[in-house]
Amino acid sequence: MKIVVLVKYVPEPTATWKFAPDLTVDRAGVEGRLSELDEYAVEQAAQLAEKGVASEVVFLTVGPAKASEGLRKALAIGGDKAVHVVDDAIHGSCALSTSLVLAKALEKEGFDLVLTGMASTDAELSVIPSMVADRLGINQATFAGELSVEGGAVTIRRDSDVASERITASLPAIVSVTDRPPGHQPGHLRRRVVRRGRGRDDPP
C-alpha cells in the first residue's frame, strides 16, 4: 500500500510574522519549520510502514524553496521519498487553489491512502483534506484519533466532547490525524529522528 502524507512548511510560531508588499505572509523573512500538527500524520505513516502495512511512504508539499526543509524533517522521521511542488505562479494561493494543486500532484503520484494533519499551525483552517477528497472523488475520514488499515479499508476513531465514533472508509481515501494519537508521548518524534540519524554500529 502506498501512503502519501501532505505536509506544510510554516512560519515558526514564536517568530514575529509580517506581511510582504503583496500582502501575503513574508515567509522568506521568517524562520520556518514543518507544521507541528503534520508531524502526527508523518508519525502515523511511519508506524504503518514499520508494521508492514505500507510498502511506500511519500511526502508531498506545495511551497517556496525553503519548504524543502520541512520535507527533510519528515524524511528523517520515516519515509521513502518526497515531492515538492514549487511554482512562483501559485505564490499566495488560497486554500481552494492549493487543494487543486495538491489534487493534481496526487493524481500524478498515485496513492492508496493520503494522510494529513488536522490543520496547519499557521492558518488552522482544517479544510484542505475535505477539499482534496472532493476534487479527487475519494472517501474522507477526518479528525482521526486512531486509525487502522485492513482489507482495503481504513477505520478511524473520532473523539468529541460527547462521544467516540468509529468510521470505516474504502480505499483510496484521505484521513486527517489529530494531535492526540494513542500511545503518543512528548519527545517520541525527536527520538525517532535521532535513531534514524545514527549509523548501524552506533549505540542506541
N, C-alpha and C. Protein backbone atom coordinates (compact mmCIF):
# COMPACT_ATOMS: atom_id res chain seq x y z
N MET A 1 0.84 -1.20 0.00
CA MET A 1 0.00 0.00 0.00
C MET A 1 0.87 1.25 0.00
N LYS A 2 0.50 2.20 -0.83
CA LYS A 2 1.25 3.45 -0.91
C LYS A 2 0.54 4.55 -0.15
N ILE A 3 1.27 5.17 0.77
CA ILE A 3 0.74 6.29 1.55
C ILE A 3 1.43 7.57 1.12
N VAL A 4 0.65 8.61 0.88
CA VAL A 4 1.18 9.95 0.63
C VAL A 4 0.74 10.84 1.78
N VAL A 5 1.70 11.51 2.40
CA VAL A 5 1.41 12.40 3.51
C VAL A 5 1.56 13.85 3.04
N LEU A 6 0.52 14.64 3.21
CA LEU A 6 0.58 16.06 2.85
C LEU A 6 1.17 16.83 4.03
N VAL A 7 2.22 17.57 3.76
CA VAL A 7 2.88 18.34 4.83
C VAL A 7 3.04 19.78 4.39
N LYS A 8 3.20 20.67 5.38
CA LYS A 8 3.33 22.10 5.09
C LYS A 8 4.47 22.70 5.90
N TYR A 9 5.25 23.53 5.25
CA TYR A 9 6.31 24.30 5.90
C TYR A 9 5.70 25.63 6.32
N VAL A 10 5.72 25.90 7.62
CA VAL A 10 5.02 27.08 8.16
C VAL A 10 5.99 27.98 8.91
N PRO A 11 5.65 29.24 9.09
CA PRO A 11 6.49 30.12 9.92
C PRO A 11 6.58 29.61 11.35
N GLU A 12 7.74 29.76 11.95
CA GLU A 12 7.92 29.37 13.35
C GLU A 12 6.90 30.11 14.22
N PRO A 13 6.12 29.38 15.02
CA PRO A 13 5.07 30.04 15.80
C PRO A 13 5.57 31.15 16.72
N THR A 14 6.80 31.02 17.21
CA THR A 14 7.33 32.02 18.15
C THR A 14 7.97 33.20 17.44
N ALA A 15 8.08 33.14 16.12
CA ALA A 15 8.71 34.23 15.37
C ALA A 15 7.73 35.38 15.17
N THR A 16 8.26 36.54 14.83
CA THR A 16 7.43 37.70 14.53
C THR A 16 7.08 37.68 13.05
N TRP A 17 5.82 37.53 12.75
CA TRP A 17 5.37 37.47 11.36
C TRP A 17 5.10 38.88 10.83
N LYS A 18 5.28 39.03 9.53
CA LYS A 18 4.94 40.30 8.88
C LYS A 18 4.46 40.03 7.47
N PHE A 19 3.84 41.03 6.88
CA PHE A 19 3.34 40.89 5.52
C PHE A 19 4.34 41.46 4.52
N ALA A 20 4.42 40.80 3.37
CA ALA A 20 5.25 41.27 2.27
C ALA A 20 4.48 42.37 1.53
N PRO A 21 5.14 43.09 0.62
CA PRO A 21 4.46 44.15 -0.12
C PRO A 21 3.22 43.69 -0.88
N ASP A 22 3.17 42.39 -1.25
CA ASP A 22 1.99 41.90 -1.97
C ASP A 22 0.88 41.44 -1.03
N LEU A 23 1.05 41.74 0.28
CA LEU A 23 0.06 41.47 1.32
C LEU A 23 -0.09 39.97 1.64
N THR A 24 0.89 39.16 1.25
CA THR A 24 0.94 37.78 1.69
C THR A 24 1.94 37.68 2.84
N VAL A 25 1.87 36.60 3.61
CA VAL A 25 2.81 36.42 4.71
C VAL A 25 4.23 36.35 4.16
N ASP A 26 5.13 37.11 4.75
CA ASP A 26 6.53 37.13 4.31
C ASP A 26 7.23 35.87 4.85
N ARG A 27 7.08 34.77 4.14
CA ARG A 27 7.66 33.50 4.58
C ARG A 27 9.17 33.47 4.41
N ALA A 28 9.68 34.24 3.46
CA ALA A 28 11.12 34.25 3.22
C ALA A 28 11.87 34.99 4.33
N GLY A 29 11.18 35.88 5.02
CA GLY A 29 11.84 36.69 6.03
C GLY A 29 11.68 36.20 7.45
N VAL A 30 11.19 34.98 7.62
CA VAL A 30 10.97 34.45 8.96
C VAL A 30 11.41 32.99 9.00
N GLU A 31 11.90 32.55 10.14
CA GLU A 31 12.28 31.15 10.29
C GLU A 31 11.04 30.26 10.19
N GLY A 32 11.23 29.08 9.63
CA GLY A 32 10.10 28.18 9.46
C GLY A 32 10.40 26.78 9.97
N ARG A 33 9.38 25.91 9.88
CA ARG A 33 9.51 24.54 10.33
C ARG A 33 8.38 23.71 9.73
N LEU A 34 8.53 22.40 9.79
CA LEU A 34 7.44 21.51 9.44
C LEU A 34 6.30 21.74 10.43
N SER A 35 5.11 21.94 9.91
CA SER A 35 3.96 22.19 10.78
C SER A 35 3.86 21.08 11.84
N GLU A 36 3.80 21.50 13.10
CA GLU A 36 3.78 20.52 14.18
C GLU A 36 2.62 19.55 14.07
N LEU A 37 1.46 20.03 13.63
CA LEU A 37 0.30 19.15 13.51
C LEU A 37 0.49 18.13 12.40
N ASP A 38 1.29 18.45 11.38
CA ASP A 38 1.58 17.48 10.32
C ASP A 38 2.50 16.37 10.81
N GLU A 39 3.28 16.65 11.84
CA GLU A 39 4.20 15.64 12.35
C GLU A 39 3.45 14.40 12.85
N TYR A 40 2.22 14.58 13.32
CA TYR A 40 1.44 13.44 13.80
C TYR A 40 1.04 12.55 12.63
N ALA A 41 0.73 13.14 11.48
CA ALA A 41 0.42 12.35 10.29
C ALA A 41 1.67 11.63 9.80
N VAL A 42 2.80 12.32 9.85
CA VAL A 42 4.07 11.70 9.45
C VAL A 42 4.37 10.50 10.33
N GLU A 43 4.17 10.66 11.63
CA GLU A 43 4.42 9.57 12.57
C GLU A 43 3.49 8.39 12.31
N GLN A 44 2.22 8.67 12.04
CA GLN A 44 1.28 7.58 11.76
C GLN A 44 1.70 6.79 10.52
N ALA A 45 2.17 7.50 9.49
CA ALA A 45 2.63 6.82 8.28
C ALA A 45 3.85 5.96 8.57
N ALA A 46 4.79 6.50 9.37
CA ALA A 46 5.99 5.74 9.72
C ALA A 46 5.63 4.49 10.51
N GLN A 47 4.64 4.59 11.39
CA GLN A 47 4.22 3.43 12.17
C GLN A 47 3.58 2.37 11.28
N LEU A 48 2.77 2.79 10.31
CA LEU A 48 2.15 1.84 9.39
C LEU A 48 3.21 1.14 8.53
N ALA A 49 4.27 1.87 8.18
CA ALA A 49 5.36 1.26 7.42
C ALA A 49 6.11 0.24 8.27
N GLU A 50 6.34 0.58 9.53
CA GLU A 50 7.05 -0.34 10.43
C GLU A 50 6.24 -1.62 10.65
N LYS A 51 4.92 -1.53 10.63
CA LYS A 51 4.06 -2.70 10.82
C LYS A 51 3.92 -3.51 9.54
N GLY A 52 4.48 -3.02 8.43
CA GLY A 52 4.37 -3.73 7.17
C GLY A 52 3.08 -3.46 6.43
N VAL A 53 2.27 -2.52 6.92
CA VAL A 53 1.01 -2.18 6.25
C VAL A 53 1.28 -1.35 5.00
N ALA A 54 2.24 -0.43 5.10
CA ALA A 54 2.59 0.43 3.97
C ALA A 54 3.90 -0.04 3.34
N SER A 55 3.91 -0.14 2.03
CA SER A 55 5.13 -0.52 1.32
C SER A 55 5.93 0.69 0.87
N GLU A 56 5.27 1.85 0.81
CA GLU A 56 5.94 3.09 0.39
C GLU A 56 5.27 4.28 1.07
N VAL A 57 6.09 5.20 1.59
CA VAL A 57 5.59 6.43 2.19
C VAL A 57 6.22 7.61 1.47
N VAL A 58 5.38 8.48 0.94
CA VAL A 58 5.83 9.65 0.18
C VAL A 58 5.30 10.90 0.85
N PHE A 59 6.13 11.93 0.93
CA PHE A 59 5.70 13.22 1.49
C PHE A 59 5.53 14.22 0.36
N LEU A 60 4.45 14.98 0.41
CA LEU A 60 4.13 15.94 -0.64
C LEU A 60 3.88 17.30 -0.02
N THR A 61 4.53 18.32 -0.57
CA THR A 61 4.31 19.68 -0.10
C THR A 61 4.23 20.64 -1.28
N VAL A 62 3.55 21.74 -1.06
CA VAL A 62 3.49 22.85 -2.02
C VAL A 62 4.02 24.08 -1.30
N GLY A 63 5.01 24.74 -1.89
CA GLY A 63 5.56 25.91 -1.22
C GLY A 63 6.85 26.37 -1.84
N PRO A 64 7.44 27.44 -1.28
CA PRO A 64 8.69 28.00 -1.80
C PRO A 64 9.86 27.05 -1.57
N ALA A 65 11.03 27.45 -2.05
CA ALA A 65 12.21 26.59 -1.96
C ALA A 65 12.51 26.15 -0.54
N LYS A 66 12.31 27.05 0.43
CA LYS A 66 12.61 26.73 1.83
C LYS A 66 11.74 25.60 2.37
N ALA A 67 10.64 25.30 1.71
CA ALA A 67 9.75 24.23 2.17
C ALA A 67 10.44 22.86 2.13
N SER A 68 11.53 22.77 1.39
CA SER A 68 12.28 21.51 1.34
C SER A 68 12.82 21.13 2.73
N GLU A 69 13.02 22.14 3.60
CA GLU A 69 13.48 21.84 4.96
C GLU A 69 12.43 21.01 5.71
N GLY A 70 11.17 21.30 5.49
CA GLY A 70 10.11 20.51 6.11
C GLY A 70 10.08 19.09 5.59
N LEU A 71 10.34 18.92 4.31
CA LEU A 71 10.39 17.58 3.72
C LEU A 71 11.54 16.78 4.30
N ARG A 72 12.68 17.43 4.50
CA ARG A 72 13.82 16.72 5.08
C ARG A 72 13.51 16.26 6.51
N LYS A 73 12.79 17.08 7.27
CA LYS A 73 12.41 16.68 8.61
C LYS A 73 11.48 15.47 8.56
N ALA A 74 10.53 15.49 7.65
CA ALA A 74 9.60 14.36 7.52
C ALA A 74 10.34 13.09 7.13
N LEU A 75 11.26 13.20 6.19
CA LEU A 75 12.03 12.02 5.76
C LEU A 75 12.88 11.47 6.90
N ALA A 76 13.36 12.35 7.77
CA ALA A 76 14.16 11.90 8.91
C ALA A 76 13.32 11.09 9.88
N ILE A 77 12.03 11.41 9.98
CA ILE A 77 11.14 10.67 10.86
C ILE A 77 10.87 9.29 10.28
N GLY A 78 10.70 9.22 8.96
CA GLY A 78 10.49 7.93 8.33
C GLY A 78 9.70 8.03 7.05
N GLY A 79 10.33 7.75 5.92
CA GLY A 79 9.65 7.80 4.63
C GLY A 79 10.60 7.40 3.53
N ASP A 80 10.07 7.27 2.31
CA ASP A 80 10.87 6.79 1.18
C ASP A 80 11.28 7.88 0.21
N LYS A 81 10.40 8.84 -0.02
CA LYS A 81 10.76 9.94 -0.93
C LYS A 81 9.86 11.13 -0.67
N ALA A 82 10.20 12.24 -1.28
CA ALA A 82 9.43 13.48 -1.10
C ALA A 82 9.20 14.14 -2.45
N VAL A 83 8.06 14.80 -2.57
CA VAL A 83 7.69 15.55 -3.78
C VAL A 83 7.43 16.99 -3.38
N HIS A 84 8.10 17.92 -4.04
CA HIS A 84 7.99 19.34 -3.72
C HIS A 84 7.50 20.09 -4.95
N VAL A 85 6.31 20.66 -4.87
CA VAL A 85 5.75 21.46 -5.95
C VAL A 85 6.14 22.91 -5.71
N VAL A 86 6.96 23.46 -6.61
CA VAL A 86 7.44 24.84 -6.50
C VAL A 86 7.06 25.59 -7.77
N ASP A 87 6.34 26.68 -7.63
CA ASP A 87 5.93 27.46 -8.80
C ASP A 87 5.57 28.87 -8.33
N ASP A 88 6.29 29.86 -8.82
CA ASP A 88 6.01 31.25 -8.43
C ASP A 88 4.58 31.66 -8.77
N ALA A 89 3.98 30.99 -9.75
CA ALA A 89 2.63 31.36 -10.18
C ALA A 89 1.58 31.04 -9.12
N ILE A 90 1.90 30.15 -8.16
CA ILE A 90 0.91 29.81 -7.14
C ILE A 90 1.27 30.45 -5.80
N HIS A 91 2.20 31.38 -5.80
CA HIS A 91 2.56 32.11 -4.59
C HIS A 91 1.32 32.81 -4.01
N GLY A 92 1.10 32.63 -2.73
CA GLY A 92 -0.03 33.29 -2.07
C GLY A 92 -1.38 32.66 -2.35
N SER A 93 -1.40 31.44 -2.85
CA SER A 93 -2.67 30.79 -3.19
C SER A 93 -3.54 30.58 -1.95
N CYS A 94 -4.84 30.67 -2.14
CA CYS A 94 -5.79 30.39 -1.06
C CYS A 94 -5.94 28.88 -0.92
N ALA A 95 -6.71 28.45 0.08
CA ALA A 95 -6.89 27.02 0.32
C ALA A 95 -7.54 26.33 -0.88
N LEU A 96 -8.48 27.00 -1.52
CA LEU A 96 -9.16 26.40 -2.67
C LEU A 96 -8.18 26.11 -3.80
N SER A 97 -7.32 27.07 -4.09
CA SER A 97 -6.33 26.88 -5.16
C SER A 97 -5.29 25.84 -4.76
N THR A 98 -4.86 25.89 -3.51
CA THR A 98 -3.86 24.93 -3.04
C THR A 98 -4.41 23.50 -3.12
N SER A 99 -5.68 23.32 -2.81
CA SER A 99 -6.26 21.98 -2.87
C SER A 99 -6.26 21.44 -4.30
N LEU A 100 -6.41 22.32 -5.28
CA LEU A 100 -6.38 21.90 -6.68
C LEU A 100 -4.97 21.43 -7.05
N VAL A 101 -3.97 22.19 -6.64
CA VAL A 101 -2.58 21.81 -6.93
C VAL A 101 -2.25 20.47 -6.27
N LEU A 102 -2.64 20.31 -5.02
CA LEU A 102 -2.39 19.06 -4.31
C LEU A 102 -3.10 17.88 -4.98
N ALA A 103 -4.33 18.10 -5.39
CA ALA A 103 -5.09 17.03 -6.03
C ALA A 103 -4.42 16.59 -7.33
N LYS A 104 -3.96 17.54 -8.13
CA LYS A 104 -3.29 17.21 -9.39
C LYS A 104 -1.98 16.47 -9.13
N ALA A 105 -1.25 16.90 -8.09
CA ALA A 105 0.01 16.23 -7.74
C ALA A 105 -0.26 14.80 -7.27
N LEU A 106 -1.32 14.61 -6.51
CA LEU A 106 -1.67 13.27 -6.03
C LEU A 106 -2.08 12.37 -7.18
N GLU A 107 -2.82 12.91 -8.13
CA GLU A 107 -3.20 12.13 -9.30
C GLU A 107 -1.97 11.64 -10.05
N LYS A 108 -0.97 12.50 -10.17
CA LYS A 108 0.25 12.14 -10.89
C LYS A 108 1.09 11.13 -10.10
N GLU A 109 1.17 11.31 -8.78
CA GLU A 109 2.00 10.45 -7.94
C GLU A 109 1.37 9.08 -7.73
N GLY A 110 0.05 9.05 -7.57
CA GLY A 110 -0.64 7.80 -7.26
C GLY A 110 -0.59 7.52 -5.76
N PHE A 111 -1.61 6.86 -5.24
CA PHE A 111 -1.70 6.62 -3.79
C PHE A 111 -2.82 5.64 -3.51
N ASP A 112 -2.76 5.05 -2.32
CA ASP A 112 -3.87 4.27 -1.78
C ASP A 112 -4.51 5.00 -0.61
N LEU A 113 -3.64 5.64 0.21
CA LEU A 113 -4.11 6.37 1.38
C LEU A 113 -3.35 7.68 1.48
N VAL A 114 -4.08 8.76 1.74
CA VAL A 114 -3.48 10.08 1.96
C VAL A 114 -3.70 10.45 3.42
N LEU A 115 -2.62 10.85 4.08
CA LEU A 115 -2.72 11.31 5.47
C LEU A 115 -2.36 12.78 5.56
N THR A 116 -3.02 13.49 6.46
CA THR A 116 -2.73 14.90 6.69
C THR A 116 -2.84 15.18 8.19
N GLY A 117 -2.30 16.32 8.60
CA GLY A 117 -2.57 16.79 9.95
C GLY A 117 -4.00 17.31 10.00
N MET A 118 -4.49 17.60 11.20
CA MET A 118 -5.88 18.06 11.30
C MET A 118 -6.02 19.53 10.88
N ALA A 119 -4.89 20.24 10.79
CA ALA A 119 -4.87 21.63 10.34
C ALA A 119 -3.40 22.01 10.21
N SER A 120 -3.13 23.17 9.63
CA SER A 120 -1.77 23.71 9.65
C SER A 120 -1.68 24.67 10.81
N THR A 121 -0.49 24.83 11.36
CA THR A 121 -0.35 25.69 12.53
C THR A 121 -0.31 27.17 12.18
N ASP A 122 -0.31 27.52 10.89
CA ASP A 122 -0.37 28.94 10.54
C ASP A 122 -1.80 29.39 10.23
N ALA A 123 -2.50 28.67 9.37
CA ALA A 123 -3.86 29.08 9.01
C ALA A 123 -4.93 28.45 9.89
N GLU A 124 -4.72 27.20 10.32
CA GLU A 124 -5.65 26.47 11.18
C GLU A 124 -7.06 26.40 10.58
N LEU A 125 -7.14 26.11 9.28
CA LEU A 125 -8.45 26.06 8.62
C LEU A 125 -9.10 24.68 8.68
N SER A 126 -8.30 23.63 8.59
CA SER A 126 -8.81 22.24 8.61
C SER A 126 -9.68 21.90 7.40
N VAL A 127 -9.51 22.61 6.29
CA VAL A 127 -10.38 22.38 5.13
C VAL A 127 -9.70 21.63 3.99
N ILE A 128 -8.38 21.63 3.95
CA ILE A 128 -7.66 21.02 2.83
C ILE A 128 -8.02 19.54 2.63
N PRO A 129 -8.06 18.71 3.68
CA PRO A 129 -8.40 17.29 3.44
C PRO A 129 -9.74 17.11 2.73
N SER A 130 -10.77 17.83 3.16
CA SER A 130 -12.09 17.70 2.54
C SER A 130 -12.09 18.23 1.11
N MET A 131 -11.39 19.33 0.88
CA MET A 131 -11.32 19.90 -0.47
C MET A 131 -10.62 18.95 -1.43
N VAL A 132 -9.51 18.37 -0.98
CA VAL A 132 -8.75 17.44 -1.84
C VAL A 132 -9.58 16.20 -2.11
N ALA A 133 -10.24 15.67 -1.08
CA ALA A 133 -11.08 14.47 -1.27
C ALA A 133 -12.18 14.74 -2.28
N ASP A 134 -12.79 15.91 -2.20
CA ASP A 134 -13.86 16.24 -3.13
C ASP A 134 -13.35 16.35 -4.56
N ARG A 135 -12.18 16.96 -4.72
CA ARG A 135 -11.62 17.12 -6.07
C ARG A 135 -11.25 15.76 -6.68
N LEU A 136 -10.80 14.84 -5.83
CA LEU A 136 -10.38 13.53 -6.33
C LEU A 136 -11.53 12.53 -6.38
N GLY A 137 -12.65 12.87 -5.74
CA GLY A 137 -13.78 11.96 -5.72
C GLY A 137 -13.52 10.71 -4.88
N ILE A 138 -12.79 10.87 -3.76
CA ILE A 138 -12.47 9.74 -2.91
C ILE A 138 -13.07 9.93 -1.52
N ASN A 139 -13.06 8.87 -0.74
CA ASN A 139 -13.61 8.92 0.61
C ASN A 139 -12.71 9.74 1.53
N GLN A 140 -13.31 10.28 2.57
CA GLN A 140 -12.54 11.01 3.57
C GLN A 140 -13.01 10.64 4.97
N ALA A 141 -12.05 10.67 5.90
CA ALA A 141 -12.36 10.45 7.31
C ALA A 141 -11.49 11.42 8.08
N THR A 142 -12.11 12.35 8.79
CA THR A 142 -11.36 13.46 9.38
C THR A 142 -11.26 13.36 10.90
N PHE A 143 -10.25 14.02 11.44
CA PHE A 143 -10.00 14.11 12.88
C PHE A 143 -9.89 12.73 13.53
N ALA A 144 -8.99 11.93 12.97
CA ALA A 144 -8.78 10.58 13.48
C ALA A 144 -7.86 10.59 14.69
N GLY A 145 -8.35 10.06 15.80
CA GLY A 145 -7.51 9.89 16.98
C GLY A 145 -6.79 8.55 16.95
N GLU A 146 -7.28 7.66 16.09
CA GLU A 146 -6.70 6.33 15.94
C GLU A 146 -7.08 5.84 14.57
N LEU A 147 -6.19 5.09 13.92
CA LEU A 147 -6.54 4.54 12.60
C LEU A 147 -5.90 3.18 12.41
N SER A 148 -6.56 2.36 11.59
CA SER A 148 -6.03 1.07 11.20
C SER A 148 -6.45 0.80 9.77
N VAL A 149 -5.67 -0.02 9.09
CA VAL A 149 -5.94 -0.35 7.69
C VAL A 149 -6.02 -1.86 7.56
N GLU A 150 -7.12 -2.34 6.97
CA GLU A 150 -7.29 -3.77 6.80
C GLU A 150 -8.33 -4.04 5.71
N GLY A 151 -8.02 -5.01 4.87
CA GLY A 151 -9.00 -5.44 3.87
C GLY A 151 -9.44 -4.37 2.91
N GLY A 152 -8.53 -3.51 2.49
CA GLY A 152 -8.88 -2.49 1.52
C GLY A 152 -9.69 -1.35 2.08
N ALA A 153 -9.64 -1.16 3.40
CA ALA A 153 -10.39 -0.07 4.02
C ALA A 153 -9.60 0.49 5.19
N VAL A 154 -9.88 1.74 5.53
CA VAL A 154 -9.27 2.39 6.69
C VAL A 154 -10.37 2.66 7.71
N THR A 155 -10.08 2.35 8.97
CA THR A 155 -11.03 2.59 10.05
C THR A 155 -10.41 3.57 11.04
N ILE A 156 -11.17 4.60 11.39
CA ILE A 156 -10.66 5.59 12.34
C ILE A 156 -11.58 5.65 13.56
N ARG A 157 -11.03 6.17 14.66
CA ARG A 157 -11.82 6.52 15.82
C ARG A 157 -11.78 8.04 15.95
N ARG A 158 -12.94 8.65 15.99
CA ARG A 158 -13.04 10.10 16.14
C ARG A 158 -13.67 10.41 17.50
N ASP A 159 -12.97 11.21 18.28
CA ASP A 159 -13.44 11.56 19.62
C ASP A 159 -13.97 12.99 19.64
N SER A 160 -15.08 13.18 20.32
CA SER A 160 -15.63 14.51 20.53
C SER A 160 -15.86 14.70 22.02
N ASP A 161 -16.43 15.82 22.40
CA ASP A 161 -16.69 16.10 23.81
C ASP A 161 -17.78 15.20 24.38
N VAL A 162 -18.60 14.64 23.50
CA VAL A 162 -19.74 13.87 24.00
C VAL A 162 -19.70 12.39 23.64
N ALA A 163 -18.88 12.01 22.65
CA ALA A 163 -18.89 10.61 22.23
C ALA A 163 -17.65 10.29 21.40
N SER A 164 -17.43 8.98 21.23
CA SER A 164 -16.41 8.49 20.30
C SER A 164 -17.13 7.66 19.25
N GLU A 165 -16.70 7.77 18.00
CA GLU A 165 -17.33 7.01 16.94
C GLU A 165 -16.27 6.38 16.05
N ARG A 166 -16.61 5.25 15.46
CA ARG A 166 -15.71 4.59 14.52
C ARG A 166 -16.27 4.71 13.12
N ILE A 167 -15.40 5.06 12.20
CA ILE A 167 -15.80 5.29 10.82
C ILE A 167 -14.90 4.45 9.92
N THR A 168 -15.48 3.73 8.99
CA THR A 168 -14.72 2.92 8.04
C THR A 168 -14.96 3.43 6.64
N ALA A 169 -13.89 3.61 5.89
CA ALA A 169 -13.98 4.10 4.52
C ALA A 169 -13.13 3.22 3.61
N SER A 170 -13.67 2.90 2.45
CA SER A 170 -12.93 2.11 1.48
C SER A 170 -11.79 2.93 0.90
N LEU A 171 -10.68 2.27 0.61
CA LEU A 171 -9.57 2.92 -0.07
C LEU A 171 -9.84 3.00 -1.56
N PRO A 172 -9.34 4.01 -2.24
CA PRO A 172 -8.47 5.09 -1.74
C PRO A 172 -9.26 6.09 -0.89
N ALA A 173 -8.56 6.68 0.06
CA ALA A 173 -9.21 7.62 0.98
C ALA A 173 -8.18 8.60 1.51
N ILE A 174 -8.68 9.68 2.10
CA ILE A 174 -7.84 10.67 2.75
C ILE A 174 -8.28 10.77 4.21
N VAL A 175 -7.30 10.79 5.12
CA VAL A 175 -7.57 10.82 6.55
C VAL A 175 -6.76 11.94 7.19
N SER A 176 -7.42 12.78 7.99
CA SER A 176 -6.70 13.78 8.78
C SER A 176 -6.54 13.25 10.20
N VAL A 177 -5.36 13.46 10.76
CA VAL A 177 -4.98 12.89 12.05
C VAL A 177 -4.89 13.99 13.10
N THR A 178 -5.44 13.74 14.29
CA THR A 178 -5.40 14.73 15.35
C THR A 178 -4.04 14.73 16.05
N ASP A 179 -3.89 15.64 17.00
CA ASP A 179 -2.64 15.72 17.77
C ASP A 179 -2.70 14.89 19.04
N ARG A 180 -3.65 13.95 19.11
CA ARG A 180 -3.75 13.08 20.28
C ARG A 180 -3.85 11.61 19.86
N PRO A 181 -2.87 11.12 19.07
CA PRO A 181 -2.92 9.71 18.68
C PRO A 181 -2.65 8.82 19.89
N PRO A 182 -3.17 7.59 19.90
CA PRO A 182 -2.96 6.71 21.05
C PRO A 182 -1.49 6.36 21.24
N GLY A 183 -1.04 6.40 22.48
CA GLY A 183 0.33 5.99 22.77
C GLY A 183 1.37 7.04 22.48
N HIS A 184 0.96 8.22 21.98
CA HIS A 184 1.95 9.25 21.67
C HIS A 184 2.49 9.85 22.96
N GLN A 185 3.80 10.06 23.01
CA GLN A 185 4.44 10.66 24.16
C GLN A 185 5.32 11.81 23.71
N PRO A 186 5.38 12.90 24.47
CA PRO A 186 6.25 14.02 24.11
C PRO A 186 7.68 13.54 23.89
N GLY A 187 8.29 14.00 22.82
CA GLY A 187 9.67 13.62 22.53
C GLY A 187 9.79 12.38 21.67
N HIS A 188 8.65 11.67 21.41
CA HIS A 188 8.72 10.44 20.63
C HIS A 188 9.26 10.70 19.22
N LEU A 189 8.77 11.78 18.59
CA LEU A 189 9.25 12.09 17.25
C LEU A 189 10.73 12.41 17.26
N ARG A 190 11.16 13.17 18.28
CA ARG A 190 12.57 13.53 18.35
C ARG A 190 13.44 12.28 18.49
N ARG A 191 13.00 11.33 19.32
CA ARG A 191 13.78 10.11 19.50
C ARG A 191 13.84 9.30 18.22
N ARG A 192 12.73 9.28 17.46
CA ARG A 192 12.71 8.55 16.20
C ARG A 192 13.71 9.16 15.21
N VAL A 193 13.76 10.49 15.16
CA VAL A 193 14.70 11.16 14.27
C VAL A 193 16.14 10.84 14.66
N VAL A 194 16.43 10.86 15.97
CA VAL A 194 17.77 10.55 16.44
C VAL A 194 18.16 9.14 16.06
N ARG A 195 17.25 8.18 16.23
CA ARG A 195 17.56 6.79 15.90
C ARG A 195 17.88 6.65 14.42
N ARG A 196 17.09 7.30 13.56
CA ARG A 196 17.30 7.16 12.12
C ARG A 196 18.58 7.86 11.69
N GLY A 197 19.03 8.84 12.49
CA GLY A 197 20.25 9.58 12.15
C GLY A 197 21.52 8.86 12.53
N ARG A 198 21.43 7.80 13.37
CA ARG A 198 22.61 7.07 13.78
C ARG A 198 23.03 6.04 12.75
N GLY A 199 24.28 5.69 12.77
CA GLY A 199 24.76 4.61 11.92
C GLY A 199 24.43 3.27 12.55
N ARG A 200 24.62 2.17 11.80
CA ARG A 200 24.26 0.85 12.27
C ARG A 200 25.03 0.46 13.51
N ASP A 201 26.27 0.91 13.62
CA ASP A 201 27.13 0.49 14.73
C ASP A 201 27.07 1.43 15.91
N ASP A 202 26.26 2.49 15.81
CA ASP A 202 26.18 3.43 16.92
C ASP A 202 25.35 2.85 18.05
N PRO A 203 25.64 3.21 19.29
CA PRO A 203 24.86 2.70 20.41
C PRO A 203 23.45 3.25 20.40
N PRO A 204 22.44 2.53 20.97
CA PRO A 204 21.05 3.01 20.97
C PRO A 204 20.88 4.19 21.90
